[in-house]
Amino acid sequence: MKRLVVRAVLIVSVVLSAVGIGSAAQAGAPGYTRQGLYGWPDQCAGIGYVGQQNHQWTSYYCETIQATNWNAPGLYALWVA
């Protein structure tokens, strides 16, 4: 019986954390929509800048989801309005 309760609690916590992660990733500043995800901060900023210069959007910002390190790229979300 104890194993069943532990498994049920584990399953519920995994499901709730997955739902929380999914909704948090989509939340941005009011009026902004996520344009894309990029591996490097300069890539995110460059695409945001070019889109602004080409009048595709009026403003942008890059959100750091996971910072880069010496061995791998990170994860950066480009938000545009």
N, C-alpha and C. Protein backbone atom coordinates (compact mmCIF):
# COMPACT_ATOMS: atom_id res chain seq x y z
N MET A 1 0.82 -1.19 0.00
CA MET A 1 0.00 0.00 0.00
C MET A 1 0.87 1.25 0.00
N LYS A 2 1.96 1.23 0.76
CA LYS A 2 2.83 2.40 0.83
C LYS A 2 3.46 2.70 -0.53
N ARG A 3 3.84 1.65 -1.25
CA ARG A 3 4.42 1.84 -2.60
C ARG A 3 3.41 2.48 -3.55
N LEU A 4 2.17 2.08 -3.45
CA LEU A 4 1.13 2.64 -4.31
C LEU A 4 0.96 4.13 -4.05
N VAL A 5 0.96 4.53 -2.80
CA VAL A 5 0.82 5.94 -2.44
C VAL A 5 2.03 6.74 -2.94
N VAL A 6 3.22 6.20 -2.76
CA VAL A 6 4.43 6.89 -3.21
C VAL A 6 4.41 7.04 -4.72
N ARG A 7 4.03 6.01 -5.44
CA ARG A 7 3.94 6.10 -6.91
C ARG A 7 2.91 7.13 -7.34
N ALA A 8 1.76 7.14 -6.68
CA ALA A 8 0.71 8.10 -7.03
C ALA A 8 1.19 9.54 -6.80
N VAL A 9 1.85 9.78 -5.69
CA VAL A 9 2.36 11.11 -5.40
C VAL A 9 3.42 11.51 -6.42
N LEU A 10 4.27 10.59 -6.79
CA LEU A 10 5.31 10.88 -7.79
C LEU A 10 4.70 11.21 -9.14
N ILE A 11 3.72 10.45 -9.56
CA ILE A 11 3.07 10.69 -10.85
C ILE A 11 2.37 12.05 -10.85
N VAL A 12 1.67 12.36 -9.77
CA VAL A 12 0.97 13.65 -9.69
C VAL A 12 1.97 14.80 -9.71
N SER A 13 3.08 14.67 -9.01
CA SER A 13 4.06 15.76 -8.99
C SER A 13 4.71 15.96 -10.36
N VAL A 14 4.96 14.87 -11.08
CA VAL A 14 5.53 14.99 -12.43
C VAL A 14 4.54 15.67 -13.36
N VAL A 15 3.29 15.28 -13.29
CA VAL A 15 2.28 15.90 -14.16
C VAL A 15 2.12 17.38 -13.84
N LEU A 16 2.05 17.73 -12.57
CA LEU A 16 1.90 19.14 -12.20
C LEU A 16 3.11 19.96 -12.59
N SER A 17 4.30 19.42 -12.46
CA SER A 17 5.49 20.18 -12.86
C SER A 17 5.53 20.35 -14.37
N ALA A 18 5.10 19.35 -15.12
CA ALA A 18 5.08 19.48 -16.58
C ALA A 18 4.09 20.54 -17.03
N VAL A 19 2.95 20.59 -16.39
CA VAL A 19 1.95 21.62 -16.71
C VAL A 19 2.50 22.99 -16.37
N GLY A 20 3.16 23.12 -15.23
CA GLY A 20 3.73 24.40 -14.82
C GLY A 20 4.82 24.86 -15.75
N ILE A 21 5.67 23.94 -16.20
CA ILE A 21 6.74 24.30 -17.12
C ILE A 21 6.17 24.74 -18.46
N GLY A 22 5.15 24.04 -18.95
CA GLY A 22 4.55 24.40 -20.23
C GLY A 22 3.92 25.77 -20.22
N SER A 23 3.25 26.12 -19.14
CA SER A 23 2.60 27.42 -19.11
C SER A 23 3.60 28.55 -18.87
N ALA A 24 4.65 28.29 -18.09
CA ALA A 24 5.64 29.33 -17.82
C ALA A 24 6.45 29.66 -19.06
N ALA A 25 6.69 28.70 -19.91
CA ALA A 25 7.48 28.94 -21.11
C ALA A 25 6.74 29.83 -22.10
N GLN A 26 5.43 29.83 -22.04
CA GLN A 26 4.64 30.63 -22.96
C GLN A 26 4.33 32.02 -22.43
N ALA A 27 4.65 32.27 -21.19
CA ALA A 27 4.31 33.55 -20.58
C ALA A 27 5.38 34.59 -20.91
N GLY A 28 4.96 35.67 -21.50
CA GLY A 28 5.88 36.76 -21.79
C GLY A 28 5.29 38.06 -21.29
N ALA A 29 5.95 39.16 -21.60
CA ALA A 29 5.41 40.46 -21.23
C ALA A 29 4.11 40.69 -22.00
N PRO A 30 3.19 41.43 -21.40
CA PRO A 30 1.91 41.69 -22.10
C PRO A 30 2.15 42.36 -23.45
N GLY A 31 1.49 41.84 -24.47
CA GLY A 31 1.61 42.39 -25.81
C GLY A 31 2.72 41.78 -26.64
N TYR A 32 3.55 40.95 -26.05
CA TYR A 32 4.65 40.31 -26.78
C TYR A 32 4.31 38.86 -27.10
N THR A 33 4.79 38.39 -28.23
CA THR A 33 4.64 36.98 -28.60
C THR A 33 6.02 36.40 -28.85
N ARG A 34 6.16 35.11 -28.59
CA ARG A 34 7.46 34.48 -28.78
C ARG A 34 7.67 34.19 -30.26
N GLN A 35 8.75 34.73 -30.79
CA GLN A 35 9.06 34.56 -32.21
C GLN A 35 9.87 33.30 -32.45
N GLY A 36 10.77 32.96 -31.54
CA GLY A 36 11.59 31.78 -31.73
C GLY A 36 12.53 31.54 -30.57
N LEU A 37 13.22 30.39 -30.64
CA LEU A 37 14.20 30.01 -29.64
C LEU A 37 15.56 29.89 -30.30
N TYR A 38 16.60 30.38 -29.64
CA TYR A 38 17.94 30.40 -30.21
C TYR A 38 18.96 29.91 -29.19
N GLY A 39 20.09 29.46 -29.68
CA GLY A 39 21.11 28.89 -28.83
C GLY A 39 22.12 29.87 -28.29
N TRP A 40 22.22 31.04 -28.91
CA TRP A 40 23.25 32.01 -28.52
C TRP A 40 22.61 33.37 -28.32
N PRO A 41 23.07 34.15 -27.35
CA PRO A 41 22.45 35.45 -27.09
C PRO A 41 22.62 36.44 -28.24
N ASP A 42 23.77 36.42 -28.91
CA ASP A 42 23.96 37.34 -30.02
C ASP A 42 23.09 36.96 -31.22
N GLN A 43 22.81 35.68 -31.38
CA GLN A 43 21.91 35.24 -32.44
C GLN A 43 20.50 35.76 -32.18
N CYS A 44 20.04 35.64 -30.96
CA CYS A 44 18.71 36.13 -30.59
C CYS A 44 18.62 37.64 -30.79
N ALA A 45 19.60 38.36 -30.28
CA ALA A 45 19.59 39.82 -30.40
C ALA A 45 19.72 40.26 -31.85
N GLY A 46 20.52 39.56 -32.63
CA GLY A 46 20.70 39.91 -34.04
C GLY A 46 19.43 39.75 -34.83
N ILE A 47 18.74 38.66 -34.63
CA ILE A 47 17.47 38.44 -35.35
C ILE A 47 16.43 39.43 -34.89
N GLY A 48 16.40 39.74 -33.61
CA GLY A 48 15.48 40.76 -33.11
C GLY A 48 15.74 42.11 -33.73
N TYR A 49 17.01 42.49 -33.81
CA TYR A 49 17.39 43.77 -34.39
C TYR A 49 17.03 43.85 -35.87
N VAL A 50 17.36 42.81 -36.62
CA VAL A 50 17.06 42.81 -38.06
C VAL A 50 15.56 42.87 -38.31
N GLY A 51 14.78 42.15 -37.53
CA GLY A 51 13.33 42.21 -37.67
C GLY A 51 12.78 43.58 -37.37
N GLN A 52 13.37 44.26 -36.39
CA GLN A 52 12.94 45.62 -36.06
C GLN A 52 13.31 46.58 -37.19
N GLN A 53 14.51 46.43 -37.74
CA GLN A 53 14.93 47.30 -38.84
C GLN A 53 14.11 47.07 -40.10
N ASN A 54 13.62 45.84 -40.30
CA ASN A 54 12.80 45.52 -41.47
C ASN A 54 11.31 45.75 -41.21
N HIS A 55 10.99 46.38 -40.09
CA HIS A 55 9.61 46.73 -39.72
C HIS A 55 8.71 45.50 -39.59
N GLN A 56 9.29 44.35 -39.18
CA GLN A 56 8.48 43.18 -38.90
C GLN A 56 7.85 43.28 -37.52
N TRP A 57 8.52 43.97 -36.59
CA TRP A 57 8.00 44.25 -35.26
C TRP A 57 8.59 45.55 -34.76
N THR A 58 7.91 46.16 -33.80
CA THR A 58 8.36 47.46 -33.33
C THR A 58 9.37 47.37 -32.19
N SER A 59 9.31 46.31 -31.41
CA SER A 59 10.28 46.13 -30.32
C SER A 59 10.49 44.65 -30.07
N TYR A 60 11.56 44.34 -29.36
CA TYR A 60 11.90 42.95 -29.07
C TYR A 60 12.73 42.89 -27.80
N TYR A 61 12.80 41.72 -27.21
CA TYR A 61 13.75 41.45 -26.14
C TYR A 61 14.05 39.95 -26.11
N CYS A 62 15.21 39.61 -25.59
CA CYS A 62 15.64 38.22 -25.50
C CYS A 62 15.58 37.79 -24.04
N GLU A 63 14.92 36.69 -23.80
CA GLU A 63 14.82 36.12 -22.46
C GLU A 63 15.80 34.96 -22.34
N THR A 64 16.61 34.97 -21.32
CA THR A 64 17.55 33.88 -21.08
C THR A 64 16.83 32.77 -20.33
N ILE A 65 16.67 31.64 -21.00
CA ILE A 65 16.06 30.47 -20.37
C ILE A 65 17.15 29.61 -19.74
N GLN A 66 18.21 29.38 -20.51
CA GLN A 66 19.38 28.66 -20.01
C GLN A 66 20.61 29.33 -20.62
N ALA A 67 21.50 29.78 -19.77
CA ALA A 67 22.68 30.50 -20.25
C ALA A 67 23.67 29.57 -20.94
N THR A 68 24.44 30.11 -21.87
CA THR A 68 25.47 29.33 -22.54
C THR A 68 26.60 29.03 -21.56
N ASN A 69 27.38 28.01 -21.90
CA ASN A 69 28.58 27.72 -21.12
C ASN A 69 29.70 27.40 -22.11
N TRP A 70 30.84 27.00 -21.62
CA TRP A 70 31.99 26.76 -22.49
C TRP A 70 31.80 25.57 -23.42
N ASN A 71 30.91 24.66 -23.07
CA ASN A 71 30.77 23.42 -23.82
C ASN A 71 29.55 23.35 -24.72
N ALA A 72 28.56 24.17 -24.47
CA ALA A 72 27.30 24.02 -25.22
C ALA A 72 26.56 25.34 -25.31
N PRO A 73 25.70 25.46 -26.32
CA PRO A 73 24.85 26.65 -26.39
C PRO A 73 23.79 26.61 -25.31
N GLY A 74 23.18 27.74 -25.10
CA GLY A 74 22.11 27.83 -24.11
C GLY A 74 20.76 27.83 -24.80
N LEU A 75 19.81 28.53 -24.22
CA LEU A 75 18.48 28.63 -24.79
C LEU A 75 17.97 30.05 -24.51
N TYR A 76 17.66 30.77 -25.58
CA TYR A 76 17.21 32.15 -25.51
C TYR A 76 15.94 32.31 -26.31
N ALA A 77 14.92 32.91 -25.71
CA ALA A 77 13.64 33.13 -26.37
C ALA A 77 13.58 34.58 -26.86
N LEU A 78 13.21 34.75 -28.12
CA LEU A 78 13.03 36.09 -28.70
C LEU A 78 11.55 36.44 -28.63
N TRP A 79 11.25 37.52 -27.91
CA TRP A 79 9.89 38.02 -27.76
C TRP A 79 9.76 39.30 -28.57
N VAL A 80 8.70 39.40 -29.36
CA VAL A 80 8.52 40.57 -30.24
C VAL A 80 7.12 41.16 -30.05
N ALA A 81 7.04 42.46 -30.34
CA ALA A 81 5.75 43.16 -30.30
C ALA A 81 5.63 44.03 -31.54
